[in-house]
Amino acid sequence: MLAVSGNRRLKAARDRMASAAREYAALGWPSFPGAHPPNAADRKGGDRACSCDRIGCPDPGAHPVSAAWAHQASVDTAVIDRWWAERPQANIILPTGRVFDVFDVPAAAGTLALDRISREDLPVGPVASVGGDRSLFFVATRGAPVDEDEWWSCQLDCSPEDVAETPGMRWHCRDSYVVAPPSVLPSGREVGWLRPPSSDPLPDPLRLLEVLSDSCDAAG
């Protein structure tokens, strides 16, 4: 009976994640399987917070399962279904710098920014909450030009390796990624949409940069 119940939970998790990844694919958003919090059986009496084998994982449940994520992320629904059939509990990773960039700010700053955006009727795209701790603002991407001379860098640019070192505002662009709804965090909380994606054009990042920067300063 317990085995049947466990299988049902795994199937529900797989179906939920795969369905969300297929919805992202329909928007043209590539995805890739991510690590996830280990279940009780996987912990084996330990205190691991992540399904990966890395001791002291710096970003538990919020990183890709493979270093090949940048090349393998896909919008192919057959591939997506296979991935989540193989890893039913895998979280969802969305590469940035392709279809969109993401401004990543503390939750308090995100709340202030959304209030100002509403008052001033400013353009805003999808917004996600990462367990109530961070807010993710999806904006149009600066892209990844073939000619490096056309790329303009910013001190806010964030790579996956330095996420923990930048607690304020982060700008996820090329070579970075975010963990996407409905991914589950080690705390048991989820990544969820405050403003879900739609087919509307994404806002220009520079239109929101000042608002988010001011909100980060105000939130302290």
N, C-alpha and C. Protein backbone atom coordinates (compact mmCIF):
# COMPACT_ATOMS: atom_id res chain seq x y z
N MET A 1 0.83 -1.20 0.00
CA MET A 1 0.00 0.00 0.00
C MET A 1 0.87 1.26 0.00
N LEU A 2 1.95 1.21 0.84
CA LEU A 2 2.84 2.36 0.90
C LEU A 2 3.55 2.55 -0.43
N ALA A 3 3.93 1.44 -1.07
CA ALA A 3 4.60 1.54 -2.37
C ALA A 3 3.69 2.13 -3.41
N VAL A 4 2.42 1.74 -3.39
CA VAL A 4 1.45 2.30 -4.33
C VAL A 4 1.28 3.78 -4.10
N SER A 5 1.18 4.18 -2.81
CA SER A 5 1.03 5.61 -2.48
C SER A 5 2.25 6.40 -2.94
N GLY A 6 3.45 5.81 -2.72
CA GLY A 6 4.67 6.50 -3.15
C GLY A 6 4.73 6.64 -4.65
N ASN A 7 4.32 5.63 -5.38
CA ASN A 7 4.31 5.70 -6.84
C ASN A 7 3.36 6.78 -7.33
N ARG A 8 2.22 6.89 -6.67
CA ARG A 8 1.25 7.92 -7.06
C ARG A 8 1.82 9.31 -6.83
N ARG A 9 2.55 9.48 -5.72
CA ARG A 9 3.15 10.79 -5.46
C ARG A 9 4.19 11.14 -6.51
N LEU A 10 5.01 10.14 -6.88
CA LEU A 10 6.02 10.38 -7.91
C LEU A 10 5.37 10.73 -9.24
N LYS A 11 4.30 10.01 -9.59
CA LYS A 11 3.61 10.28 -10.85
C LYS A 11 3.00 11.67 -10.84
N ALA A 12 2.41 12.05 -9.70
CA ALA A 12 1.81 13.39 -9.60
C ALA A 12 2.88 14.46 -9.74
N ALA A 13 4.04 14.24 -9.09
CA ALA A 13 5.14 15.21 -9.19
C ALA A 13 5.64 15.31 -10.62
N ARG A 14 5.83 14.15 -11.27
CA ARG A 14 6.31 14.14 -12.65
C ARG A 14 5.34 14.84 -13.57
N ASP A 15 4.05 14.51 -13.43
CA ASP A 15 3.04 15.10 -14.31
C ASP A 15 2.98 16.61 -14.11
N ARG A 16 3.09 17.05 -12.87
CA ARG A 16 3.01 18.49 -12.59
C ARG A 16 4.19 19.23 -13.18
N MET A 17 5.40 18.72 -12.97
CA MET A 17 6.59 19.39 -13.50
C MET A 17 6.63 19.31 -15.02
N ALA A 18 6.35 18.13 -15.58
CA ALA A 18 6.39 17.99 -17.03
C ALA A 18 5.35 18.87 -17.69
N SER A 19 4.17 18.98 -17.07
CA SER A 19 3.13 19.84 -17.63
C SER A 19 3.57 21.29 -17.65
N ALA A 20 4.21 21.74 -16.56
CA ALA A 20 4.69 23.12 -16.51
C ALA A 20 5.78 23.34 -17.56
N ALA A 21 6.70 22.37 -17.70
CA ALA A 21 7.77 22.51 -18.70
C ALA A 21 7.20 22.56 -20.11
N ARG A 22 6.14 21.78 -20.35
CA ARG A 22 5.49 21.84 -21.67
C ARG A 22 4.85 23.20 -21.90
N GLU A 23 4.28 23.78 -20.87
CA GLU A 23 3.69 25.12 -21.00
C GLU A 23 4.78 26.15 -21.32
N TYR A 24 5.93 26.02 -20.69
CA TYR A 24 7.04 26.93 -21.02
C TYR A 24 7.48 26.72 -22.46
N ALA A 25 7.52 25.47 -22.90
CA ALA A 25 7.91 25.17 -24.27
C ALA A 25 6.96 25.83 -25.26
N ALA A 26 5.67 25.85 -24.93
CA ALA A 26 4.68 26.48 -25.81
C ALA A 26 4.93 27.98 -25.94
N LEU A 27 5.58 28.57 -24.93
CA LEU A 27 5.94 29.99 -25.00
C LEU A 27 7.28 30.20 -25.71
N GLY A 28 7.94 29.09 -26.06
CA GLY A 28 9.26 29.19 -26.66
C GLY A 28 10.37 29.27 -25.63
N TRP A 29 10.08 28.87 -24.38
CA TRP A 29 11.05 28.94 -23.30
C TRP A 29 11.70 27.56 -23.11
N PRO A 30 12.98 27.39 -23.41
CA PRO A 30 13.64 26.11 -23.16
C PRO A 30 13.73 25.84 -21.65
N SER A 31 13.72 24.56 -21.28
CA SER A 31 13.86 24.18 -19.88
C SER A 31 14.81 22.99 -19.77
N PHE A 32 15.17 22.69 -18.53
CA PHE A 32 16.07 21.57 -18.26
C PHE A 32 15.80 21.07 -16.85
N PRO A 33 15.96 19.77 -16.59
CA PRO A 33 15.70 19.26 -15.23
C PRO A 33 16.68 19.82 -14.21
N GLY A 34 16.14 20.11 -13.03
CA GLY A 34 16.97 20.60 -11.95
C GLY A 34 17.00 19.63 -10.78
N ALA A 35 17.95 19.85 -9.89
CA ALA A 35 18.00 19.08 -8.65
C ALA A 35 16.75 19.38 -7.82
N HIS A 36 16.53 18.60 -6.80
CA HIS A 36 15.34 18.77 -5.97
C HIS A 36 15.66 18.35 -4.54
N PRO A 37 14.84 18.72 -3.57
CA PRO A 37 15.07 18.25 -2.21
C PRO A 37 14.95 16.73 -2.15
N PRO A 38 15.84 16.03 -1.47
CA PRO A 38 15.75 14.58 -1.40
C PRO A 38 14.58 14.14 -0.54
N ASN A 39 13.98 13.01 -0.88
CA ASN A 39 12.93 12.48 -0.02
C ASN A 39 13.56 11.74 1.15
N ALA A 40 12.73 11.27 2.07
CA ALA A 40 13.24 10.66 3.30
C ALA A 40 14.13 9.46 3.00
N ALA A 41 13.76 8.67 2.00
CA ALA A 41 14.53 7.48 1.68
C ALA A 41 15.92 7.85 1.16
N ASP A 42 15.98 8.95 0.39
CA ASP A 42 17.26 9.35 -0.19
C ASP A 42 18.21 9.93 0.85
N ARG A 43 17.66 10.48 1.93
CA ARG A 43 18.51 11.11 2.93
C ARG A 43 19.38 10.09 3.66
N LYS A 44 18.86 8.89 3.86
CA LYS A 44 19.61 7.81 4.50
C LYS A 44 20.18 8.25 5.83
N GLY A 45 19.36 8.97 6.59
CA GLY A 45 19.78 9.38 7.92
C GLY A 45 20.64 10.62 7.94
N GLY A 46 20.99 11.15 6.78
CA GLY A 46 21.83 12.33 6.72
C GLY A 46 21.02 13.61 6.73
N ASP A 47 21.73 14.73 6.51
CA ASP A 47 21.06 16.03 6.53
C ASP A 47 21.17 16.72 5.18
N ARG A 48 21.27 15.94 4.11
CA ARG A 48 21.38 16.51 2.78
C ARG A 48 20.15 17.36 2.46
N ALA A 49 20.38 18.49 1.81
CA ALA A 49 19.27 19.37 1.41
C ALA A 49 19.02 19.31 -0.08
N CYS A 50 19.84 18.53 -0.81
CA CYS A 50 19.74 18.49 -2.26
C CYS A 50 19.89 17.07 -2.76
N SER A 51 19.26 16.79 -3.88
CA SER A 51 19.32 15.45 -4.46
C SER A 51 20.67 15.15 -5.12
N CYS A 52 21.50 16.16 -5.33
CA CYS A 52 22.80 15.93 -5.96
C CYS A 52 23.76 15.29 -4.96
N ASP A 53 24.88 14.81 -5.46
CA ASP A 53 25.85 14.12 -4.62
C ASP A 53 26.88 15.07 -4.01
N ARG A 54 26.75 16.36 -4.27
CA ARG A 54 27.74 17.31 -3.80
C ARG A 54 27.56 17.59 -2.31
N ILE A 55 28.59 17.38 -1.53
CA ILE A 55 28.52 17.66 -0.09
C ILE A 55 28.51 19.17 0.11
N GLY A 56 27.56 19.66 0.90
CA GLY A 56 27.46 21.09 1.13
C GLY A 56 27.05 21.86 -0.10
N CYS A 57 26.14 21.30 -0.90
CA CYS A 57 25.68 21.97 -2.12
C CYS A 57 25.32 23.42 -1.83
N PRO A 58 25.90 24.39 -2.56
CA PRO A 58 25.67 25.80 -2.26
C PRO A 58 24.31 26.32 -2.72
N ASP A 59 23.62 25.56 -3.57
CA ASP A 59 22.33 26.02 -4.09
C ASP A 59 21.37 24.84 -4.17
N PRO A 60 21.03 24.24 -3.02
CA PRO A 60 20.25 23.00 -3.02
C PRO A 60 18.90 23.13 -3.70
N GLY A 61 18.62 22.17 -4.58
CA GLY A 61 17.34 22.12 -5.27
C GLY A 61 17.13 23.20 -6.30
N ALA A 62 18.16 23.97 -6.62
CA ALA A 62 17.98 25.10 -7.54
C ALA A 62 19.08 25.18 -8.58
N HIS A 63 19.59 24.03 -9.02
CA HIS A 63 20.62 24.01 -10.06
C HIS A 63 20.34 22.86 -11.01
N PRO A 64 20.89 22.91 -12.22
CA PRO A 64 20.65 21.82 -13.19
C PRO A 64 21.27 20.51 -12.72
N VAL A 65 20.75 19.41 -13.24
CA VAL A 65 21.29 18.10 -12.88
C VAL A 65 22.55 17.77 -13.66
N SER A 66 22.87 18.56 -14.68
CA SER A 66 24.03 18.28 -15.52
C SER A 66 24.69 19.58 -15.94
N ALA A 67 26.01 19.53 -16.08
CA ALA A 67 26.76 20.70 -16.55
C ALA A 67 26.46 21.01 -18.01
N ALA A 68 25.78 20.09 -18.69
CA ALA A 68 25.46 20.27 -20.11
C ALA A 68 24.15 21.02 -20.32
N TRP A 69 23.59 21.60 -19.25
CA TRP A 69 22.27 22.25 -19.34
C TRP A 69 22.20 23.31 -20.43
N ALA A 70 23.26 24.08 -20.60
CA ALA A 70 23.22 25.18 -21.56
C ALA A 70 23.04 24.68 -22.99
N HIS A 71 23.57 23.50 -23.27
CA HIS A 71 23.48 22.95 -24.62
C HIS A 71 22.23 22.09 -24.81
N GLN A 72 21.74 21.51 -23.73
CA GLN A 72 20.68 20.53 -23.86
C GLN A 72 19.28 21.08 -23.56
N ALA A 73 19.17 22.24 -22.94
CA ALA A 73 17.85 22.81 -22.64
C ALA A 73 17.00 22.82 -23.90
N SER A 74 15.73 22.45 -23.77
CA SER A 74 14.93 22.18 -24.96
C SER A 74 13.49 22.64 -24.82
N VAL A 75 12.86 22.84 -25.99
CA VAL A 75 11.41 23.08 -26.06
C VAL A 75 10.71 21.89 -26.71
N ASP A 76 11.43 20.82 -26.94
CA ASP A 76 10.88 19.61 -27.56
C ASP A 76 10.08 18.85 -26.50
N THR A 77 8.78 18.73 -26.69
CA THR A 77 7.94 18.12 -25.66
C THR A 77 8.25 16.64 -25.47
N ALA A 78 8.69 15.95 -26.51
CA ALA A 78 9.07 14.55 -26.36
C ALA A 78 10.29 14.42 -25.44
N VAL A 79 11.23 15.32 -25.61
CA VAL A 79 12.42 15.33 -24.76
C VAL A 79 12.04 15.67 -23.33
N ILE A 80 11.17 16.67 -23.18
CA ILE A 80 10.72 17.08 -21.85
C ILE A 80 10.02 15.92 -21.14
N ASP A 81 9.13 15.22 -21.83
CA ASP A 81 8.44 14.09 -21.22
C ASP A 81 9.42 13.00 -20.81
N ARG A 82 10.44 12.76 -21.63
CA ARG A 82 11.43 11.72 -21.29
C ARG A 82 12.23 12.12 -20.06
N TRP A 83 12.64 13.39 -20.02
CA TRP A 83 13.40 13.85 -18.86
C TRP A 83 12.65 13.64 -17.56
N TRP A 84 11.38 14.05 -17.54
CA TRP A 84 10.64 13.96 -16.27
C TRP A 84 10.12 12.55 -15.99
N ALA A 85 10.08 11.70 -17.01
CA ALA A 85 9.81 10.29 -16.76
C ALA A 85 11.00 9.66 -16.05
N GLU A 86 12.21 10.11 -16.41
CA GLU A 86 13.43 9.58 -15.80
C GLU A 86 13.69 10.19 -14.43
N ARG A 87 13.28 11.44 -14.23
CA ARG A 87 13.50 12.16 -12.97
C ARG A 87 12.19 12.80 -12.51
N PRO A 88 11.28 12.00 -11.94
CA PRO A 88 9.93 12.49 -11.65
C PRO A 88 9.88 13.70 -10.73
N GLN A 89 10.86 13.83 -9.83
CA GLN A 89 10.83 14.93 -8.86
C GLN A 89 11.69 16.12 -9.27
N ALA A 90 12.28 16.07 -10.45
CA ALA A 90 13.19 17.13 -10.86
C ALA A 90 12.50 18.48 -10.90
N ASN A 91 13.18 19.48 -10.35
CA ASN A 91 12.70 20.86 -10.49
C ASN A 91 12.92 21.33 -11.92
N ILE A 92 12.49 22.55 -12.21
CA ILE A 92 12.58 23.09 -13.57
C ILE A 92 13.58 24.25 -13.62
N ILE A 93 14.54 24.14 -14.51
CA ILE A 93 15.53 25.19 -14.72
C ILE A 93 15.24 25.88 -16.05
N LEU A 94 15.20 27.21 -16.05
CA LEU A 94 15.01 27.99 -17.27
C LEU A 94 16.28 28.79 -17.56
N PRO A 95 16.96 28.52 -18.68
CA PRO A 95 18.12 29.32 -19.04
C PRO A 95 17.71 30.76 -19.37
N THR A 96 18.55 31.69 -18.99
CA THR A 96 18.29 33.10 -19.30
C THR A 96 19.23 33.55 -20.41
N GLY A 97 18.95 34.75 -20.95
CA GLY A 97 19.79 35.28 -22.02
C GLY A 97 19.44 34.73 -23.38
N ARG A 98 18.28 34.08 -23.49
CA ARG A 98 17.84 33.52 -24.76
C ARG A 98 16.52 34.16 -25.17
N VAL A 99 15.46 33.78 -24.48
CA VAL A 99 14.16 34.39 -24.73
C VAL A 99 13.93 35.57 -23.78
N PHE A 100 14.52 35.50 -22.62
CA PHE A 100 14.31 36.53 -21.60
C PHE A 100 15.54 36.62 -20.71
N ASP A 101 15.67 37.76 -20.01
CA ASP A 101 16.56 37.91 -18.87
C ASP A 101 15.68 37.95 -17.62
N VAL A 102 16.30 37.87 -16.46
CA VAL A 102 15.54 37.91 -15.21
C VAL A 102 16.25 38.81 -14.21
N PHE A 103 15.51 39.78 -13.67
CA PHE A 103 15.98 40.54 -12.51
C PHE A 103 15.55 39.78 -11.27
N ASP A 104 16.50 39.51 -10.40
CA ASP A 104 16.30 38.70 -9.20
C ASP A 104 16.56 39.61 -7.99
N VAL A 105 15.51 39.89 -7.20
CA VAL A 105 15.62 40.84 -6.10
C VAL A 105 15.06 40.24 -4.82
N PRO A 106 15.45 40.77 -3.65
CA PRO A 106 14.83 40.32 -2.40
C PRO A 106 13.32 40.52 -2.44
N ALA A 107 12.59 39.66 -1.75
CA ALA A 107 11.12 39.70 -1.80
C ALA A 107 10.56 41.05 -1.38
N ALA A 108 11.14 41.66 -0.35
CA ALA A 108 10.64 42.96 0.11
C ALA A 108 10.77 44.01 -0.97
N ALA A 109 11.89 43.99 -1.69
CA ALA A 109 12.09 44.93 -2.79
C ALA A 109 11.12 44.64 -3.92
N GLY A 110 10.85 43.36 -4.16
CA GLY A 110 9.89 42.99 -5.20
C GLY A 110 8.50 43.51 -4.91
N THR A 111 8.09 43.45 -3.64
CA THR A 111 6.77 43.97 -3.26
C THR A 111 6.69 45.47 -3.48
N LEU A 112 7.74 46.21 -3.07
CA LEU A 112 7.77 47.66 -3.28
C LEU A 112 7.73 47.98 -4.78
N ALA A 113 8.48 47.22 -5.56
CA ALA A 113 8.53 47.47 -7.00
C ALA A 113 7.17 47.25 -7.64
N LEU A 114 6.48 46.17 -7.28
CA LEU A 114 5.17 45.89 -7.85
C LEU A 114 4.16 46.97 -7.48
N ASP A 115 4.25 47.49 -6.26
CA ASP A 115 3.36 48.58 -5.85
C ASP A 115 3.60 49.82 -6.71
N ARG A 116 4.87 50.16 -6.92
CA ARG A 116 5.20 51.35 -7.73
C ARG A 116 4.80 51.13 -9.18
N ILE A 117 5.05 49.93 -9.69
CA ILE A 117 4.68 49.62 -11.06
C ILE A 117 3.18 49.80 -11.27
N SER A 118 2.41 49.34 -10.28
CA SER A 118 0.95 49.47 -10.37
C SER A 118 0.52 50.93 -10.31
N ARG A 119 1.11 51.70 -9.39
CA ARG A 119 0.74 53.12 -9.24
C ARG A 119 1.08 53.92 -10.48
N GLU A 120 2.22 53.64 -11.07
CA GLU A 120 2.70 54.43 -12.21
C GLU A 120 2.34 53.80 -13.55
N ASP A 121 1.61 52.70 -13.51
CA ASP A 121 1.16 52.01 -14.72
C ASP A 121 2.34 51.73 -15.65
N LEU A 122 3.38 51.14 -15.09
CA LEU A 122 4.59 50.81 -15.85
C LEU A 122 4.46 49.41 -16.45
N PRO A 123 5.18 49.16 -17.52
CA PRO A 123 5.12 47.81 -18.12
C PRO A 123 5.79 46.80 -17.20
N VAL A 124 5.19 45.62 -17.10
CA VAL A 124 5.77 44.55 -16.30
C VAL A 124 5.40 43.22 -16.94
N GLY A 125 6.30 42.28 -16.86
CA GLY A 125 6.07 40.96 -17.42
C GLY A 125 5.80 39.95 -16.33
N PRO A 126 6.11 38.69 -16.56
CA PRO A 126 5.92 37.66 -15.54
C PRO A 126 6.78 37.95 -14.31
N VAL A 127 6.25 37.63 -13.14
CA VAL A 127 6.98 37.79 -11.88
C VAL A 127 6.76 36.53 -11.05
N ALA A 128 7.84 35.96 -10.55
CA ALA A 128 7.74 34.75 -9.73
C ALA A 128 8.31 35.00 -8.35
N SER A 129 7.82 34.25 -7.38
CA SER A 129 8.34 34.29 -6.02
C SER A 129 9.09 33.00 -5.74
N VAL A 130 10.31 33.12 -5.24
CA VAL A 130 11.11 31.95 -4.90
C VAL A 130 10.95 31.70 -3.40
N GLY A 131 9.91 30.95 -3.06
CA GLY A 131 9.66 30.59 -1.67
C GLY A 131 9.41 31.76 -0.75
N GLY A 132 9.01 32.91 -1.30
CA GLY A 132 8.78 34.09 -0.47
C GLY A 132 10.04 34.83 -0.10
N ASP A 133 11.22 34.37 -0.58
CA ASP A 133 12.49 35.00 -0.24
C ASP A 133 13.00 35.94 -1.32
N ARG A 134 12.80 35.58 -2.59
CA ARG A 134 13.27 36.37 -3.70
C ARG A 134 12.14 36.55 -4.71
N SER A 135 12.21 37.61 -5.49
CA SER A 135 11.25 37.83 -6.58
C SER A 135 12.00 37.88 -7.90
N LEU A 136 11.45 37.23 -8.90
CA LEU A 136 12.06 37.16 -10.23
C LEU A 136 11.21 37.93 -11.22
N PHE A 137 11.78 38.96 -11.84
CA PHE A 137 11.09 39.78 -12.84
C PHE A 137 11.64 39.41 -14.21
N PHE A 138 10.78 38.87 -15.06
CA PHE A 138 11.18 38.43 -16.40
C PHE A 138 11.07 39.61 -17.37
N VAL A 139 12.15 39.87 -18.09
CA VAL A 139 12.22 41.02 -19.00
C VAL A 139 12.80 40.57 -20.34
N ALA A 140 12.72 41.44 -21.33
CA ALA A 140 13.32 41.14 -22.63
C ALA A 140 14.83 40.95 -22.47
N THR A 141 15.40 40.06 -23.25
CA THR A 141 16.82 39.76 -23.11
C THR A 141 17.70 40.69 -23.92
N ARG A 142 18.90 40.89 -23.42
CA ARG A 142 19.93 41.58 -24.20
C ARG A 142 20.54 40.62 -25.21
N GLY A 143 20.26 39.32 -25.04
CA GLY A 143 20.71 38.33 -25.99
C GLY A 143 22.16 37.92 -25.77
N ALA A 144 22.65 37.11 -26.69
CA ALA A 144 24.03 36.64 -26.66
C ALA A 144 24.60 36.76 -28.06
N PRO A 145 25.02 37.96 -28.46
CA PRO A 145 25.48 38.17 -29.83
C PRO A 145 26.70 37.34 -30.17
N VAL A 146 26.78 36.92 -31.43
CA VAL A 146 27.94 36.16 -31.89
C VAL A 146 29.19 37.02 -31.81
N ASP A 147 29.04 38.28 -32.15
CA ASP A 147 30.17 39.22 -32.08
C ASP A 147 30.26 39.77 -30.66
N GLU A 148 31.29 39.39 -29.93
CA GLU A 148 31.43 39.80 -28.53
C GLU A 148 31.54 41.32 -28.39
N ASP A 149 31.97 42.01 -29.46
CA ASP A 149 32.07 43.46 -29.38
C ASP A 149 30.71 44.12 -29.24
N GLU A 150 29.64 43.38 -29.57
CA GLU A 150 28.30 43.94 -29.46
C GLU A 150 27.69 43.72 -28.08
N TRP A 151 28.38 42.97 -27.24
CA TRP A 151 27.87 42.68 -25.90
C TRP A 151 28.27 43.79 -24.94
N TRP A 152 27.28 44.30 -24.17
CA TRP A 152 27.61 45.26 -23.14
C TRP A 152 27.35 44.63 -21.78
N SER A 153 28.38 44.62 -20.96
CA SER A 153 28.27 43.98 -19.66
C SER A 153 27.72 44.96 -18.63
N CYS A 154 27.31 44.42 -17.51
CA CYS A 154 26.74 45.22 -16.43
C CYS A 154 27.24 44.63 -15.12
N GLN A 155 27.49 45.47 -14.14
CA GLN A 155 28.00 44.97 -12.86
C GLN A 155 26.97 44.11 -12.14
N LEU A 156 25.72 44.12 -12.60
CA LEU A 156 24.68 43.32 -11.97
C LEU A 156 24.58 41.92 -12.57
N ASP A 157 25.29 41.68 -13.69
CA ASP A 157 25.21 40.38 -14.33
C ASP A 157 25.58 39.27 -13.35
N CYS A 158 24.80 38.22 -13.36
CA CYS A 158 24.98 37.16 -12.38
C CYS A 158 25.14 35.82 -13.07
N SER A 159 26.20 35.11 -12.73
CA SER A 159 26.37 33.74 -13.22
C SER A 159 25.96 32.79 -12.11
N PRO A 160 25.59 31.55 -12.44
CA PRO A 160 25.14 30.62 -11.41
C PRO A 160 26.14 30.44 -10.27
N GLU A 161 27.44 30.55 -10.56
CA GLU A 161 28.45 30.31 -9.55
C GLU A 161 28.54 31.41 -8.51
N ASP A 162 28.09 32.63 -8.84
CA ASP A 162 28.24 33.73 -7.88
C ASP A 162 26.91 34.22 -7.31
N VAL A 163 25.86 33.41 -7.44
CA VAL A 163 24.55 33.81 -6.93
C VAL A 163 24.60 34.11 -5.44
N ALA A 164 25.22 33.22 -4.67
CA ALA A 164 25.25 33.39 -3.21
C ALA A 164 26.05 34.61 -2.79
N GLU A 165 26.92 35.11 -3.67
CA GLU A 165 27.76 36.24 -3.32
C GLU A 165 27.10 37.58 -3.64
N THR A 166 25.92 37.56 -4.23
CA THR A 166 25.25 38.79 -4.63
C THR A 166 23.83 38.81 -4.05
N PRO A 167 23.70 39.10 -2.75
CA PRO A 167 22.39 39.04 -2.09
C PRO A 167 21.42 40.14 -2.50
N GLY A 168 21.92 41.23 -3.11
CA GLY A 168 21.03 42.29 -3.55
C GLY A 168 20.38 41.98 -4.87
N MET A 169 20.33 42.95 -5.77
CA MET A 169 19.75 42.71 -7.09
C MET A 169 20.74 41.96 -7.98
N ARG A 170 20.22 41.00 -8.74
CA ARG A 170 21.01 40.23 -9.68
C ARG A 170 20.35 40.34 -11.06
N TRP A 171 21.16 40.27 -12.09
CA TRP A 171 20.65 40.29 -13.46
C TRP A 171 21.08 39.00 -14.14
N HIS A 172 20.17 38.05 -14.24
CA HIS A 172 20.47 36.80 -14.91
C HIS A 172 20.32 37.00 -16.42
N CYS A 173 21.42 36.83 -17.13
CA CYS A 173 21.38 36.98 -18.59
C CYS A 173 22.03 35.75 -19.21
N ARG A 174 22.89 35.93 -20.18
CA ARG A 174 23.47 34.76 -20.84
C ARG A 174 24.32 33.96 -19.86
N ASP A 175 24.35 32.65 -20.08
CA ASP A 175 25.13 31.72 -19.26
C ASP A 175 24.62 31.61 -17.83
N SER A 176 23.39 32.05 -17.60
CA SER A 176 22.81 31.91 -16.27
C SER A 176 21.45 31.23 -16.40
N TYR A 177 20.77 31.06 -15.27
CA TYR A 177 19.48 30.39 -15.27
C TYR A 177 18.74 30.74 -13.99
N VAL A 178 17.45 30.41 -13.95
CA VAL A 178 16.65 30.54 -12.74
C VAL A 178 15.86 29.26 -12.53
N VAL A 179 15.49 28.99 -11.29
CA VAL A 179 14.61 27.87 -10.99
C VAL A 179 13.17 28.38 -11.12
N ALA A 180 12.31 27.59 -11.78
CA ALA A 180 11.00 28.08 -12.19
C ALA A 180 9.86 27.36 -11.47
N PRO A 181 8.69 28.00 -11.39
CA PRO A 181 7.50 27.34 -10.84
C PRO A 181 7.17 26.09 -11.64
N PRO A 182 6.64 25.05 -10.98
CA PRO A 182 6.31 24.93 -9.55
C PRO A 182 7.38 24.20 -8.75
N SER A 183 8.65 24.51 -8.99
CA SER A 183 9.74 23.82 -8.31
C SER A 183 9.60 23.91 -6.79
N VAL A 184 10.08 22.87 -6.11
CA VAL A 184 9.97 22.77 -4.65
C VAL A 184 11.35 23.00 -4.03
N LEU A 185 11.41 23.82 -3.00
CA LEU A 185 12.66 24.17 -2.34
C LEU A 185 12.90 23.29 -1.12
N PRO A 186 14.14 23.21 -0.63
CA PRO A 186 14.41 22.37 0.55
C PRO A 186 13.56 22.73 1.76
N SER A 187 13.13 23.97 1.86
CA SER A 187 12.28 24.39 2.98
C SER A 187 10.87 23.81 2.89
N GLY A 188 10.54 23.23 1.74
CA GLY A 188 9.18 22.75 1.51
C GLY A 188 8.32 23.77 0.78
N ARG A 189 8.79 25.03 0.74
CA ARG A 189 8.07 26.06 -0.01
C ARG A 189 8.34 25.90 -1.50
N GLU A 190 7.55 26.57 -2.30
CA GLU A 190 7.65 26.41 -3.74
C GLU A 190 8.02 27.72 -4.42
N VAL A 191 8.43 27.59 -5.65
CA VAL A 191 8.56 28.73 -6.56
C VAL A 191 7.20 28.88 -7.23
N GLY A 192 6.60 30.07 -7.15
CA GLY A 192 5.26 30.26 -7.70
C GLY A 192 5.14 31.58 -8.43
N TRP A 193 4.15 31.66 -9.30
CA TRP A 193 3.95 32.88 -10.08
C TRP A 193 3.14 33.92 -9.30
N LEU A 194 3.66 35.14 -9.23
CA LEU A 194 2.88 36.28 -8.75
C LEU A 194 2.13 36.90 -9.92
N ARG A 195 2.78 36.90 -11.07
CA ARG A 195 2.17 37.31 -12.35
C ARG A 195 2.57 36.25 -13.37
N PRO A 196 1.65 35.40 -13.80
CA PRO A 196 2.02 34.29 -14.68
C PRO A 196 2.42 34.76 -16.07
N PRO A 197 3.16 33.94 -16.79
CA PRO A 197 3.56 34.29 -18.17
C PRO A 197 2.34 34.38 -19.09
N SER A 198 2.51 35.16 -20.14
CA SER A 198 1.48 35.28 -21.16
C SER A 198 2.17 35.46 -22.51
N SER A 199 1.38 35.67 -23.53
CA SER A 199 1.95 35.89 -24.86
C SER A 199 2.31 37.36 -25.10
N ASP A 200 2.10 38.22 -24.11
CA ASP A 200 2.43 39.64 -24.27
C ASP A 200 3.94 39.84 -24.36
N PRO A 201 4.38 40.88 -25.08
CA PRO A 201 5.83 41.15 -25.16
C PRO A 201 6.41 41.43 -23.79
N LEU A 202 7.64 41.00 -23.59
CA LEU A 202 8.32 41.24 -22.32
C LEU A 202 8.81 42.69 -22.27
N PRO A 203 8.82 43.29 -21.08
CA PRO A 203 9.24 44.69 -20.97
C PRO A 203 10.73 44.88 -21.20
N ASP A 204 11.09 46.07 -21.63
CA ASP A 204 12.50 46.46 -21.79
C ASP A 204 13.14 46.45 -20.39
N PRO A 205 14.27 45.76 -20.22
CA PRO A 205 14.88 45.71 -18.88
C PRO A 205 15.25 47.08 -18.33
N LEU A 206 15.64 47.99 -19.20
CA LEU A 206 16.04 49.32 -18.71
C LEU A 206 14.86 50.10 -18.15
N ARG A 207 13.64 49.76 -18.58
CA ARG A 207 12.46 50.43 -18.04
C ARG A 207 12.21 50.03 -16.58
N LEU A 208 12.63 48.83 -16.22
CA LEU A 208 12.41 48.34 -14.86
C LEU A 208 13.64 48.45 -13.97
N LEU A 209 14.79 48.65 -14.58
CA LEU A 209 16.04 48.67 -13.80
C LEU A 209 16.01 49.72 -12.71
N GLU A 210 15.59 50.94 -13.04
CA GLU A 210 15.57 52.02 -12.04
C GLU A 210 14.58 51.70 -10.92
N VAL A 211 13.40 51.21 -11.30
CA VAL A 211 12.38 50.89 -10.30
C VAL A 211 12.90 49.83 -9.33
N LEU A 212 13.49 48.78 -9.86
CA LEU A 212 13.96 47.69 -9.01
C LEU A 212 15.16 48.13 -8.17
N SER A 213 16.04 48.94 -8.76
CA SER A 213 17.19 49.44 -8.00
C SER A 213 16.73 50.32 -6.83
N ASP A 214 15.78 51.22 -7.11
CA ASP A 214 15.25 52.08 -6.04
C ASP A 214 14.56 51.24 -4.97
N SER A 215 13.84 50.22 -5.38
CA SER A 215 13.13 49.39 -4.42
C SER A 215 14.10 48.60 -3.55
N CYS A 216 15.21 48.15 -4.12
CA CYS A 216 16.22 47.46 -3.33
C CYS A 216 16.82 48.40 -2.29
N ASP A 217 17.08 49.64 -2.70
CA ASP A 217 17.63 50.63 -1.77
C ASP A 217 16.63 50.92 -0.64
N ALA A 218 15.36 51.06 -0.99
CA ALA A 218 14.33 51.37 0.01
C ALA A 218 14.10 50.22 0.96
N ALA A 219 14.23 48.99 0.47
CA ALA A 219 13.99 47.82 1.30
C ALA A 219 15.17 47.55 2.24
N GLY A 220 16.28 48.22 1.96
CA GLY A 220 17.45 48.07 2.81
C GLY A 220 18.17 46.77 2.58
